[in-house]
Protein backbone atom coordinates (compact mmCIF):
# COMPACT_ATOMS: atom_id res chain seq x y z
CA MET A 1 122.08 94.58 107.77
CA PRO A 2 119.62 97.03 105.46
CA GLU A 3 121.29 97.40 101.77
CA LEU A 4 120.85 99.69 98.93
CA PRO A 5 117.05 98.96 98.39
CA GLU A 6 116.26 99.09 102.10
CA VAL A 7 118.29 102.32 102.34
CA GLU A 8 116.44 103.74 99.57
CA THR A 9 113.21 102.69 100.82
CA SER A 10 113.93 104.34 103.76
CA ARG A 11 114.77 107.81 101.96
CA ARG A 12 111.42 107.82 100.10
CA GLY A 13 109.36 106.93 103.19
CA ILE A 14 110.75 109.55 105.70
CA SER A 15 111.18 112.41 103.01
CA PRO A 16 107.59 113.56 102.45
CA HIS A 17 106.84 113.81 106.36
CA ILE A 18 110.42 116.21 106.94
CA VAL A 19 111.90 117.55 103.71
CA GLY A 20 111.16 121.80 103.77
CA LYS A 21 110.82 121.75 107.73
CA VAL A 22 112.87 123.41 110.14
CA PHE A 23 115.08 122.05 112.70
CA LYS A 24 113.54 122.67 116.24
CA ASN A 25 115.75 120.14 118.61
CA VAL A 26 118.17 117.55 118.63
CA ILE A 27 118.08 115.04 121.31
CA VAL A 28 121.09 112.85 121.24
CA ARG A 29 120.46 110.26 123.89
CA GLN A 30 123.46 108.20 122.66
CA PRO A 31 126.87 110.00 121.55
CA LYS A 32 128.58 106.95 121.14
CA LEU A 33 127.47 104.86 117.94
CA ARG A 34 130.14 103.47 115.29
CA TRP A 35 131.83 106.97 115.63
CA PRO A 36 130.75 109.76 118.27
CA VAL A 37 127.73 112.16 117.47
CA PRO A 38 129.41 115.24 116.96
CA ASP A 39 128.92 117.26 120.20
CA ASN A 40 127.79 120.39 118.31
CA LEU A 41 125.26 118.57 115.83
CA PRO A 42 122.47 120.56 117.69
CA ALA A 43 123.78 123.91 116.99
CA LEU A 44 124.60 122.92 113.57
CA LEU A 45 120.88 121.95 113.21
CA ILE A 46 118.62 124.25 114.96
CA GLY A 47 116.95 126.88 112.78
CA GLN A 48 118.39 124.92 109.54
CA THR A 49 115.91 123.89 106.90
CA LEU A 50 115.78 120.44 105.42
CA GLN A 51 116.07 120.99 101.88
CA SER A 52 116.48 117.74 100.49
CA VAL A 53 116.93 113.90 101.29
CA GLU A 54 119.60 111.77 99.21
CA ARG A 55 121.14 109.04 99.15
CA ARG A 56 125.17 107.72 98.24
CA GLY A 57 125.41 103.84 99.07
CA LYS A 58 124.22 103.35 102.54
CA TYR A 59 124.42 106.61 104.09
CA LEU A 60 121.45 109.10 103.89
CA LEU A 61 122.25 112.70 103.59
CA LEU A 62 119.93 115.23 105.36
CA ASN A 63 121.20 118.50 103.21
CA CYS A 64 120.88 121.96 104.54
CA ALA A 65 122.58 125.28 103.25
CA ASN A 66 125.32 124.89 105.78
CA GLY A 67 126.53 120.98 105.72
CA SER A 68 124.49 118.01 105.32
CA LEU A 69 123.42 115.06 108.43
CA LEU A 70 124.86 111.47 107.59
CA LEU A 71 122.80 109.10 109.05
CA HIS A 72 123.91 104.87 108.52
CA LEU A 73 121.76 102.38 109.65
CA GLY A 74 124.42 99.99 110.78
CA MET A 75 123.46 96.35 111.23
CA SER A 76 120.07 96.66 112.13
CA GLY A 77 119.12 100.38 112.61
CA ASN A 78 115.56 101.69 111.49
CA LEU A 79 114.21 105.19 111.02
CA ARG A 80 110.83 105.93 111.50
CA ILE A 81 108.45 109.10 111.80
CA THR A 82 106.57 109.40 115.03
CA ASN A 83 105.65 112.54 117.25
CA PRO A 84 107.45 113.84 121.10
CA GLU A 85 104.94 111.87 122.83
CA LEU A 86 105.51 108.70 121.96
CA ALA A 87 107.57 106.73 124.57
CA VAL A 88 111.44 106.47 124.13
CA GLY A 89 113.03 102.93 123.67
CA LYS A 90 115.44 101.90 125.02
CA HIS A 91 117.56 101.98 121.85
CA ASP A 92 116.41 105.13 120.70
CA HIS A 93 119.55 107.04 120.47
CA LEU A 94 118.82 109.97 118.10
CA ASP A 95 115.61 112.24 117.55
CA LEU A 96 115.45 114.97 114.95
CA VAL A 97 112.46 117.58 116.04
CA PHE A 98 110.88 119.58 113.69
CA ALA A 99 108.84 123.11 113.95
CA ASP A 100 105.37 121.25 113.93
CA ASP A 101 106.55 118.71 116.44
CA THR A 102 107.44 115.85 113.64
CA VAL A 103 110.08 113.56 114.92
CA LEU A 104 112.82 111.61 112.97
CA ARG A 105 113.72 109.14 115.08
CA LEU A 106 116.99 106.63 114.71
CA ASN A 107 116.73 103.12 116.45
CA ASP A 108 119.97 101.03 116.60
CA PRO A 109 120.26 98.41 118.79
CA ARG A 110 123.63 97.24 118.19
CA LYS A 111 124.92 100.99 117.86
CA PHE A 112 126.80 100.36 114.73
CA GLY A 113 125.26 103.18 112.91
CA ALA A 114 126.22 106.76 112.59
CA ALA A 115 125.04 110.58 112.56
CA LEU A 116 127.96 112.63 111.67
CA TRP A 117 128.15 116.07 109.95
CA ALA A 118 129.62 116.87 106.71
CA GLU A 119 129.93 120.61 105.43
CA GLN A 120 130.84 119.04 101.81
CA PRO A 121 129.55 115.51 102.08
CA SER A 122 131.58 114.32 98.45
CA GLN A 123 134.68 114.96 99.94
CA HIS A 124 133.96 113.16 103.60
CA PRO A 125 136.38 110.82 103.93
CA LEU A 126 133.18 107.98 103.93
CA LEU A 127 131.48 108.92 100.80
CA ALA A 128 134.80 110.10 98.63
CA VAL A 129 135.89 106.65 98.34
CA LEU A 130 132.88 105.23 97.13
CA GLY A 131 131.99 104.02 93.76
CA PRO A 132 129.30 104.81 91.12
CA GLU A 133 125.77 104.23 91.92
CA PRO A 134 124.75 101.06 90.52
CA LEU A 135 121.83 102.54 88.90
CA SER A 136 123.32 105.45 87.56
CA ALA A 137 124.49 106.24 83.73
CA ASP A 138 128.47 105.98 85.05
CA PHE A 139 127.87 101.94 86.15
CA SER A 140 128.46 99.96 83.18
CA GLY A 141 129.69 96.75 81.62
CA GLU A 142 132.13 99.05 80.48
CA TYR A 143 133.32 100.54 83.31
CA LEU A 144 133.23 97.39 85.35
CA GLN A 145 135.39 95.24 82.43
CA GLN A 146 137.96 98.17 82.82
CA ARG A 147 138.15 97.97 86.72
CA ALA A 148 138.63 94.17 86.49
CA GLY A 149 141.54 94.62 84.19
CA SER A 150 143.13 91.17 84.77
CA ARG A 151 142.63 90.61 88.40
CA ARG A 152 142.31 87.33 89.61
CA LEU A 153 139.92 87.89 92.42
CA PRO A 154 136.14 85.82 92.10
CA ILE A 155 133.46 88.44 90.36
CA LYS A 156 131.04 88.25 93.23
CA SER A 157 134.24 89.45 95.52
CA LEU A 158 134.47 92.47 93.05
CA ILE A 159 131.14 93.36 92.95
CA MET A 160 130.87 93.36 96.73
CA ASP A 161 133.56 95.80 96.86
CA SER A 162 131.97 99.44 97.51
CA HIS A 163 135.20 101.31 95.87
CA ILE A 164 134.14 99.50 92.44
CA VAL A 165 130.08 99.99 93.17
CA VAL A 166 128.04 101.05 95.97
CA GLY A 167 125.50 98.84 97.46
CA VAL A 168 125.32 95.62 95.66
CA GLY A 169 125.10 93.30 99.06
CA ASN A 170 125.56 89.52 99.18
CA ILE A 171 122.12 88.90 98.14
CA TYR A 172 122.21 90.98 95.52
CA ALA A 173 125.34 89.73 94.49
CA SER A 174 124.18 86.22 94.39
CA GLU A 175 120.86 86.95 92.54
CA SER A 176 122.67 89.39 89.76
CA LEU A 177 125.44 86.61 88.79
CA PHE A 178 122.73 84.22 88.41
CA LEU A 179 120.94 86.41 86.12
CA ALA A 180 124.05 87.60 83.73
CA GLY A 181 124.94 83.38 83.64
CA LEU A 182 128.05 83.99 85.79
CA HIS A 183 129.94 81.58 88.16
CA PRO A 184 130.75 83.77 91.39
CA GLU A 185 134.31 82.18 91.59
CA ARG A 186 135.29 83.00 88.38
CA PRO A 187 138.00 85.33 88.26
CA ALA A 188 136.87 88.74 86.92
CA GLY A 189 139.72 89.39 84.39
CA GLU A 190 138.78 86.49 82.70
CA ILE A 191 135.39 87.68 81.65
CA ASP A 192 134.83 89.70 78.58
CA LEU A 193 132.84 93.04 77.73
CA MET A 194 129.65 91.07 76.95
CA GLY A 195 129.84 89.18 80.36
CA TYR A 196 129.77 92.53 81.86
CA GLN A 197 127.40 94.26 80.15
CA ARG A 198 124.89 91.13 81.44
CA LEU A 199 126.09 91.68 84.65
CA ALA A 200 125.73 95.42 84.88
CA THR A 201 122.23 95.35 83.61
CA ALA A 202 121.43 92.28 86.02
CA ILE A 203 122.73 94.26 88.89
CA LYS A 204 120.39 96.98 87.76
CA THR A 205 117.06 95.34 87.10
CA VAL A 206 118.10 93.07 90.85
CA LEU A 207 118.18 96.27 92.71
CA GLN A 208 115.80 98.37 90.50
CA LYS A 209 113.09 95.24 91.30
CA ALA A 210 113.85 95.51 95.10
CA ILE A 211 113.06 99.75 95.31
CA GLU A 212 110.20 99.11 93.49
CA GLN A 213 109.10 95.78 96.01
CA GLY A 214 110.26 98.32 98.99
CA GLY A 215 108.28 100.93 98.00
CA THR A 216 105.07 99.42 98.82
CA THR A 217 105.53 99.62 102.55
CA LEU A 218 106.20 103.65 102.70
CA ARG A 219 103.03 103.57 105.17
CA ASP A 220 104.80 101.81 107.98
CA PHE A 221 107.24 104.72 108.37
CA THR A 222 104.82 106.30 110.12
CA ASN A 223 103.82 103.16 112.66
CA ALA A 224 104.82 102.76 115.93
CA GLU A 225 106.85 100.41 115.48
CA GLY A 226 109.01 102.29 112.97
CA LYS A 227 109.91 98.72 111.19
CA PRO A 228 109.09 99.25 107.21
CA GLY A 229 108.43 95.38 107.03
CA TYR A 230 111.03 95.40 104.02
CA PHE A 231 109.80 93.29 100.98
CA GLN A 232 109.98 89.40 100.57
CA GLN A 233 112.02 88.79 97.23
CA ALA A 234 111.39 85.78 94.75
CA LEU A 235 114.79 84.76 95.41
CA ARG A 236 116.16 82.42 92.61
CA VAL A 237 119.04 81.07 94.21
CA TYR A 238 120.09 83.01 97.64
CA GLY A 239 118.83 80.45 100.08
CA ARG A 240 117.77 77.68 97.86
CA ARG A 241 121.21 75.52 98.63
CA ASP A 242 119.72 71.44 97.09
CA GLN A 243 116.41 73.29 95.84
CA ALA A 244 115.83 72.67 92.01
CA CYS A 245 117.31 75.67 89.65
CA ILE A 246 113.88 77.63 88.56
CA ASP A 247 115.60 77.48 84.90
CA CYS A 248 117.12 74.22 84.84
CA GLY A 249 116.03 72.41 87.43
CA GLU A 250 119.95 71.38 88.99
CA PRO A 251 120.03 71.66 92.91
CA ILE A 252 121.18 74.79 93.29
CA GLN A 253 124.85 74.96 95.16
CA HIS A 254 126.32 76.47 97.89
CA LEU A 255 129.61 77.76 98.81
CA LYS A 256 131.83 80.74 100.54
CA ILE A 257 133.61 83.59 99.20
CA GLY A 258 135.26 85.73 101.27
CA GLN A 259 133.53 84.42 104.29
CA ARG A 260 129.99 85.34 103.15
CA ALA A 261 127.45 82.56 101.93
CA SER A 262 127.29 82.12 97.39
CA TYR A 263 124.08 80.13 95.72
CA PHE A 264 124.66 79.85 92.23
CA CYS A 265 123.55 77.24 89.88
CA PRO A 266 126.26 74.87 88.51
CA VAL A 267 124.79 74.66 85.19
CA CYS A 268 123.15 78.19 84.07
CA GLN A 269 126.21 80.29 85.83
CA HIS A 270 129.92 79.59 84.06
């Protein structure tokens, strides 16, 4: 599933090709994605100028004067810049056509993505409930400790809750907890402020590094396949079960928390 760094890479990849351009046509080939595509989407967009492309969590916001188109890539969706002459594939569900014939095409094999409209995106039900962006000043150790309170749920579950903070997917949660020296099963209410400060810093570090690595693939948004070729990370613990910890040499262990695979070092993480 595309996570925050992948979505941010998509935002950076498509923005230079479409911002400032006027919508000429909207072609909806599959109106039934995760939620129905609005019937009046062409009427809302045609003639409007795309003012900016922003990201909120895993959603991309294509902002116009009259509102915003919310795009979500679902489990396996992708966006690519193309032209009207490129043959349409089986899973090419939405084309946004601009006045210069640039096309932004949404491909979504599993149809778990979304294309929705919001006059005021910050108040849209899908966005209004989201926690702060992890790379923003609003996200800190103090904030995490306040939200944790005396809760007994595992710390990994806390930081993967999009109501607490957006964009900390399974891989990034495991990597951040390793960097902060915190065991993924440790009860959230037992971690002190120093631990949460380490964790907030680790989350920012892991995500920023992933975004920077993703930035090397921007050219791929204009290729025929439209696949950004997302970065291969140098993972410290995730997917390294029974391999030696890079810091202490102890075998990395594996368990499930909330039905999600979790990897950790039993020596370095407490």
